[in-house]
């Protein structure tokens, strides 16, 4: 494995470990306020690290749009985590890979292929199983599915803004995510400043490792490999998420959920394999 691909795998592991970090922190901090803290800290760190390089005005509007999609994505994800397991959240979030071709058709006019439909059908079958089947739709799993749709919009918009400066684009999307989260939290959620160390550990991990370091390394190293290999590496995120949930929270997937997780990953990998 090339050094660049090893770094991308490390990034994927960082993202996977954000699921139990967020899950634990939700016992102390309201979900959207957690995002405001996380992306506020990340925005400040990026300004300290990159200074004027992060503040290019040319990407302000594009970053606004990306920040909006990230706000919905992370918002649906973290609220959903209150009602589902970290393992379920990790696998369902990966559905963004399957949804992306259909969003690209809506926004970019790209053709949907037969394999896209097959991937979607297999992955949605997995979603049905991991959510409990005929027992009814789990509210948290439903919100996490909306999270995956939001992230698919973000991925397509990143493709559309591909010629822009990625460093400033990364900063502005993080900054606007912070602004949207802060405004929502101030209006709709109780104002909480956690005094315990555990939620701050979750906040610092997700802000430093899951946001600043991961985004920066992604920009630096992804260009040194192919899009196909990068997507294949990123598809390991739910595996790391489930593993970290088992190691840190003791979560275990049921037999039905394991089959569902397998089908979701089969749909994801089938979608990647066609590229």
Protein backbone atom coordinates (compact mmCIF):
# COMPACT_ATOMS: atom_id res chain seq x y z
CA UNK A 1 0.00 0.00 0.00
CA UNK A 2 1.30 3.45 -0.94
CA UNK A 3 1.99 6.00 1.79
CA UNK A 4 -0.88 8.16 0.52
CA UNK A 5 -3.32 5.26 0.70
CA UNK A 6 -2.10 4.33 4.18
CA UNK A 7 -2.83 7.90 5.25
CA UNK A 8 -6.33 7.70 3.76
CA UNK A 9 -6.91 4.47 5.68
CA UNK A 10 -5.81 6.25 8.87
CA UNK A 11 -8.29 9.04 8.10
CA UNK A 12 -11.05 6.49 7.62
CA UNK A 13 -10.26 4.97 11.01
CA UNK A 14 -10.43 8.45 12.58
CA UNK A 15 -13.88 8.97 11.09
CA UNK A 16 -14.99 5.52 12.25
CA UNK A 17 -14.05 6.30 15.86
CA UNK A 18 -16.16 9.49 15.84
CA UNK A 19 -19.34 7.40 16.15
CA UNK A 20 -18.81 6.16 19.74
CA UNK A 21 -17.25 9.53 20.66
CA UNK A 22 -20.44 11.31 19.60
CA UNK A 23 -22.70 8.67 21.13
CA UNK A 24 -21.09 9.02 24.58
CA UNK A 25 -21.04 12.83 24.45
CA UNK A 26 -24.79 13.01 23.78
CA UNK A 27 -25.43 12.04 27.38
CA UNK A 28 -24.04 15.45 28.39
CA UNK A 29 -24.60 17.85 25.48
CA UNK A 30 -27.64 18.42 23.19
CA UNK A 31 -26.87 17.10 19.69
CA UNK A 32 -26.78 20.29 17.61
CA UNK A 33 -24.96 22.17 20.34
CA UNK A 34 -22.38 19.39 20.22
CA UNK A 35 -21.92 20.16 16.51
CA UNK A 36 -21.57 23.88 17.27
CA UNK A 37 -18.80 23.13 19.76
CA UNK A 38 -17.13 20.62 17.41
CA UNK A 39 -17.08 22.80 14.31
CA UNK A 40 -16.38 25.96 16.26
CA UNK A 41 -13.24 24.40 17.70
CA UNK A 42 -12.31 23.03 14.26
CA UNK A 43 -12.81 26.44 12.59
CA UNK A 44 -10.59 28.13 15.17
CA UNK A 45 -7.88 25.50 14.76
CA UNK A 46 -7.92 25.85 10.97
CA UNK A 47 -7.55 29.62 11.28
CA UNK A 48 -4.61 29.19 13.64
CA UNK A 49 -2.98 26.64 11.33
CA UNK A 50 -3.64 28.13 7.89
CA UNK A 51 -4.51 31.78 8.63
CA UNK A 52 -5.15 33.79 5.45
CA UNK A 53 -4.85 30.67 3.26
CA UNK A 54 -8.18 29.52 4.72
CA UNK A 55 -10.00 32.82 4.14
CA UNK A 56 -10.10 33.10 0.36
CA UNK A 57 -13.31 34.93 -0.55
CA UNK A 58 -13.61 33.13 -3.88
CA UNK A 59 -14.86 29.99 -2.13
CA UNK A 60 -17.15 31.72 0.41
CA UNK A 61 -20.42 31.05 -1.44
CA UNK A 62 -19.45 27.52 -2.43
CA UNK A 63 -18.43 26.83 1.16
CA UNK A 64 -21.82 28.18 2.28
CA UNK A 65 -23.64 25.60 0.14
CA UNK A 66 -21.35 22.79 1.28
CA UNK A 67 -21.71 23.89 4.90
CA UNK A 68 -25.49 23.72 4.54
CA UNK A 69 -25.36 20.13 3.28
CA UNK A 70 -22.89 19.20 6.02
CA UNK A 71 -25.13 20.80 8.64
CA UNK A 72 -28.07 18.66 7.56
CA UNK A 73 -25.83 15.60 7.22
CA UNK A 74 -24.19 15.89 10.62
CA UNK A 75 -27.42 17.13 12.20
CA UNK A 76 -29.47 14.15 11.06
CA UNK A 77 -26.59 11.86 11.99
CA UNK A 78 -26.06 13.06 15.54
CA UNK A 79 -29.76 13.38 16.39
CA UNK A 80 -30.26 9.90 14.93
CA UNK A 81 -27.51 8.63 17.24
CA UNK A 82 -29.79 9.39 20.20
CA UNK A 83 -32.20 6.73 18.92
CA UNK A 84 -29.95 4.11 17.33
CA UNK A 85 -26.63 2.41 17.99
CA UNK A 86 -23.23 3.71 16.91
CA UNK A 87 -22.82 0.57 14.78
CA UNK A 88 -26.10 1.11 12.92
CA UNK A 89 -25.25 4.76 12.40
CA UNK A 90 -21.87 3.90 10.87
CA UNK A 91 -23.28 1.39 8.38
CA UNK A 92 -26.32 3.46 7.40
CA UNK A 93 -24.19 6.59 6.90
CA UNK A 94 -22.19 4.67 4.28
CA UNK A 95 -25.30 4.64 2.08
CA UNK A 96 -24.13 8.03 0.77
CA UNK A 97 -22.01 6.07 -1.73
CA UNK A 98 -25.15 4.41 -3.14
CA UNK A 99 -27.25 7.59 -3.16
CA UNK A 100 -24.59 9.73 -4.87
CA UNK A 101 -25.29 8.64 -8.50
CA UNK A 102 -28.97 9.56 -8.13
CA UNK A 103 -28.14 12.99 -6.68
CA UNK A 104 -25.60 13.48 -9.49
CA UNK A 105 -28.41 12.77 -11.96
CA UNK A 106 -30.58 15.47 -10.35
CA UNK A 107 -27.85 18.13 -10.07
CA UNK A 108 -25.41 17.31 -12.87
CA UNK A 109 -27.51 15.33 -15.33
CA UNK A 110 -25.21 12.30 -15.12
CA UNK A 111 -26.79 9.06 -16.35
CA UNK A 112 -27.99 6.49 -13.80
CA UNK A 113 -26.80 3.00 -14.75
CA UNK A 114 -28.31 -0.41 -14.09
CA UNK A 115 -25.60 -1.14 -11.51
CA UNK A 116 -26.62 1.98 -9.61
CA UNK A 117 -30.16 0.64 -9.29
CA UNK A 118 -28.90 -2.81 -8.26
CA UNK A 119 -26.60 -1.26 -5.62
CA UNK A 120 -29.49 0.80 -4.26
CA UNK A 121 -31.82 -2.21 -4.09
CA UNK A 122 -29.26 -4.37 -2.26
CA UNK A 123 -28.29 -1.59 0.15
CA UNK A 124 -31.92 -0.69 0.95
CA UNK A 125 -32.62 -4.36 1.69
CA UNK A 126 -29.72 -4.21 4.13
CA UNK A 127 -31.15 -1.03 5.64
CA UNK A 128 -34.51 -2.78 6.10
CA UNK A 129 -32.84 -5.64 7.98
CA UNK A 130 -30.48 -3.56 10.11
CA UNK A 131 -33.43 -1.34 11.13
CA UNK A 132 -35.42 -4.29 12.46
CA UNK A 133 -37.44 -5.43 9.47
CA UNK A 134 -41.15 -5.72 10.05
CA UNK A 135 -40.86 -4.36 13.60
CA UNK A 136 -41.15 -0.87 12.19
CA UNK A 137 -38.79 1.85 11.07
CA UNK A 138 -36.41 2.92 13.81
CA UNK A 139 -36.54 6.73 14.10
CA UNK A 140 -32.78 6.98 14.53
CA UNK A 141 -32.12 4.81 11.49
CA UNK A 142 -34.55 6.94 9.45
CA UNK A 143 -32.75 10.16 10.43
CA UNK A 144 -29.39 8.55 9.63
CA UNK A 145 -30.70 7.64 6.17
CA UNK A 146 -31.50 11.32 5.64
CA UNK A 147 -27.95 12.02 6.81
CA UNK A 148 -26.62 9.76 4.04
CA UNK A 149 -28.74 11.62 1.46
CA UNK A 150 -27.36 14.95 2.72
CA UNK A 151 -23.78 13.71 2.48
CA UNK A 152 -24.50 12.51 -1.07
CA UNK A 153 -25.53 16.07 -1.97
CA UNK A 154 -22.29 17.33 -0.40
CA UNK A 155 -20.17 14.89 -2.42
CA UNK A 156 -21.83 15.91 -5.70
CA UNK A 157 -21.40 19.61 -4.91
CA UNK A 158 -17.71 19.03 -4.11
CA UNK A 159 -17.40 17.46 -7.56
CA UNK A 160 -19.12 20.49 -9.08
CA UNK A 161 -16.76 22.86 -7.25
CA UNK A 162 -13.74 20.72 -8.09
CA UNK A 163 -11.67 23.57 -9.54
CA UNK A 164 -11.85 25.64 -6.36
CA UNK A 165 -9.14 25.91 -3.71
CA UNK A 166 -9.74 22.89 -1.51
CA UNK A 167 -8.13 24.30 1.63
CA UNK A 168 -10.31 27.39 1.82
CA UNK A 169 -13.31 25.37 0.65
CA UNK A 170 -12.75 22.97 3.55
CA UNK A 171 -12.51 25.85 6.00
CA UNK A 172 -15.63 27.62 4.78
CA UNK A 173 -17.76 24.47 4.86
CA UNK A 174 -16.59 23.79 8.43
CA UNK A 175 -17.17 27.43 9.42
CA UNK A 176 -20.69 27.61 7.94
CA UNK A 177 -21.54 24.28 9.55
CA UNK A 178 -20.54 25.89 12.85
CA UNK A 179 -22.70 28.97 12.17
CA UNK A 180 -25.80 26.96 11.24
CA UNK A 181 -25.35 24.64 14.23
CA UNK A 182 -24.83 27.53 16.65
CA UNK A 183 -27.92 29.44 15.48
CA UNK A 184 -30.10 26.33 15.65
CA UNK A 185 -28.77 25.35 19.08
CA UNK A 186 -29.27 28.85 20.54
CA UNK A 187 -32.88 28.92 19.36
CA UNK A 188 -34.05 25.35 19.97
CA UNK A 189 -31.75 23.70 22.52
CA UNK A 190 -30.79 24.34 26.15
CA UNK A 191 -27.52 26.19 26.65
CA UNK A 192 -25.15 23.68 28.17
CA UNK A 193 -21.46 24.06 28.95
CA UNK A 194 -20.29 20.59 30.01
CA UNK A 195 -18.18 20.45 33.15
CA UNK A 196 -17.36 16.74 32.90
CA UNK A 197 -14.24 15.60 31.07
CA UNK A 198 -15.90 12.83 29.03
CA UNK A 199 -17.93 15.03 26.63
CA UNK A 200 -14.91 17.29 26.12
CA UNK A 201 -12.85 14.27 25.15
CA UNK A 202 -15.50 13.44 22.54
CA UNK A 203 -15.62 17.03 21.34
CA UNK A 204 -11.86 17.40 21.08
CA UNK A 205 -11.47 14.05 19.32
CA UNK A 206 -14.12 14.81 16.70
CA UNK A 207 -12.92 18.40 16.20
CA UNK A 208 -9.18 17.73 16.04
CA UNK A 209 -8.94 14.24 14.55
CA UNK A 210 -12.32 13.79 12.84
CA UNK A 211 -12.42 17.27 11.31
CA UNK A 212 -9.19 19.30 11.12
CA UNK A 213 -6.61 16.53 10.74
CA UNK A 214 -8.83 14.24 8.65
CA UNK A 215 -9.93 16.98 6.23
CA UNK A 216 -6.40 18.36 5.86
CA UNK A 217 -4.81 14.96 5.22
CA UNK A 218 -7.59 14.07 2.80
CA UNK A 219 -6.83 17.17 0.73
CA UNK A 220 -3.10 16.48 0.86
CA UNK A 221 -3.04 12.77 0.03
CA UNK A 222 -6.14 11.86 -1.99
CA UNK A 223 -4.65 13.37 -5.16
CA UNK A 224 -1.85 10.77 -5.01
CA UNK A 225 -4.19 7.83 -5.64
CA UNK A 226 -7.15 7.10 -7.89
CA UNK A 227 -10.72 8.05 -7.02
CA UNK A 228 -11.65 4.37 -7.16
CA UNK A 229 -9.04 3.32 -4.60
CA UNK A 230 -9.87 6.29 -2.35
CA UNK A 231 -13.57 5.38 -2.39
CA UNK A 232 -12.74 1.77 -1.60
CA UNK A 233 -10.66 2.87 1.39
CA UNK A 234 -13.38 5.24 2.65
CA UNK A 235 -15.93 2.43 2.46
CA UNK A 236 -14.12 0.89 5.44
CA UNK A 237 -15.52 3.64 7.69
CA UNK A 238 -18.54 1.61 8.94
CA UNK A 239 -16.22 -1.32 9.70
CA UNK A 240 -14.08 0.93 11.90
CA UNK A 241 -17.25 2.47 13.33
CA UNK A 242 -18.69 -0.90 14.30
CA UNK A 243 -15.34 -2.09 15.68
CA UNK A 244 -14.90 1.05 17.78
CA UNK A 245 -18.49 0.76 19.06
CA UNK A 246 -17.75 -2.82 20.15
CA UNK A 247 -14.42 -1.94 21.80
CA UNK A 248 -15.56 1.26 23.53
CA UNK A 249 -19.29 0.73 24.10
CA UNK A 250 -19.68 -3.04 24.01
CA UNK A 251 -22.23 -2.88 21.17
CA UNK A 252 -22.95 -6.10 19.29
CA UNK A 253 -24.89 -6.54 16.07
CA UNK A 254 -27.68 -9.13 16.08
CA UNK A 255 -27.74 -11.82 13.42
CA UNK A 256 -30.35 -9.93 11.40
CA UNK A 257 -28.38 -6.69 11.74
CA UNK A 258 -25.19 -8.43 10.62
CA UNK A 259 -26.94 -9.60 7.45
CA UNK A 260 -28.23 -6.07 6.93
CA UNK A 261 -24.76 -4.60 7.46
CA UNK A 262 -23.32 -7.11 4.97
CA UNK A 263 -25.92 -6.15 2.34
CA UNK A 264 -25.29 -2.44 2.85
CA UNK A 265 -21.57 -2.98 2.34
CA UNK A 266 -22.27 -5.21 -0.68
CA UNK A 267 -24.29 -2.38 -2.23
CA UNK A 268 -21.55 0.13 -1.42
CA UNK A 269 -18.76 -2.02 -2.84
CA UNK A 270 -20.78 -2.84 -5.95
CA UNK A 271 -21.21 0.90 -6.50
CA UNK A 272 -17.47 1.48 -6.09
CA UNK A 273 -16.52 -1.49 -8.28
CA UNK A 274 -18.28 -0.04 -11.31
CA UNK A 275 -15.98 3.00 -11.38
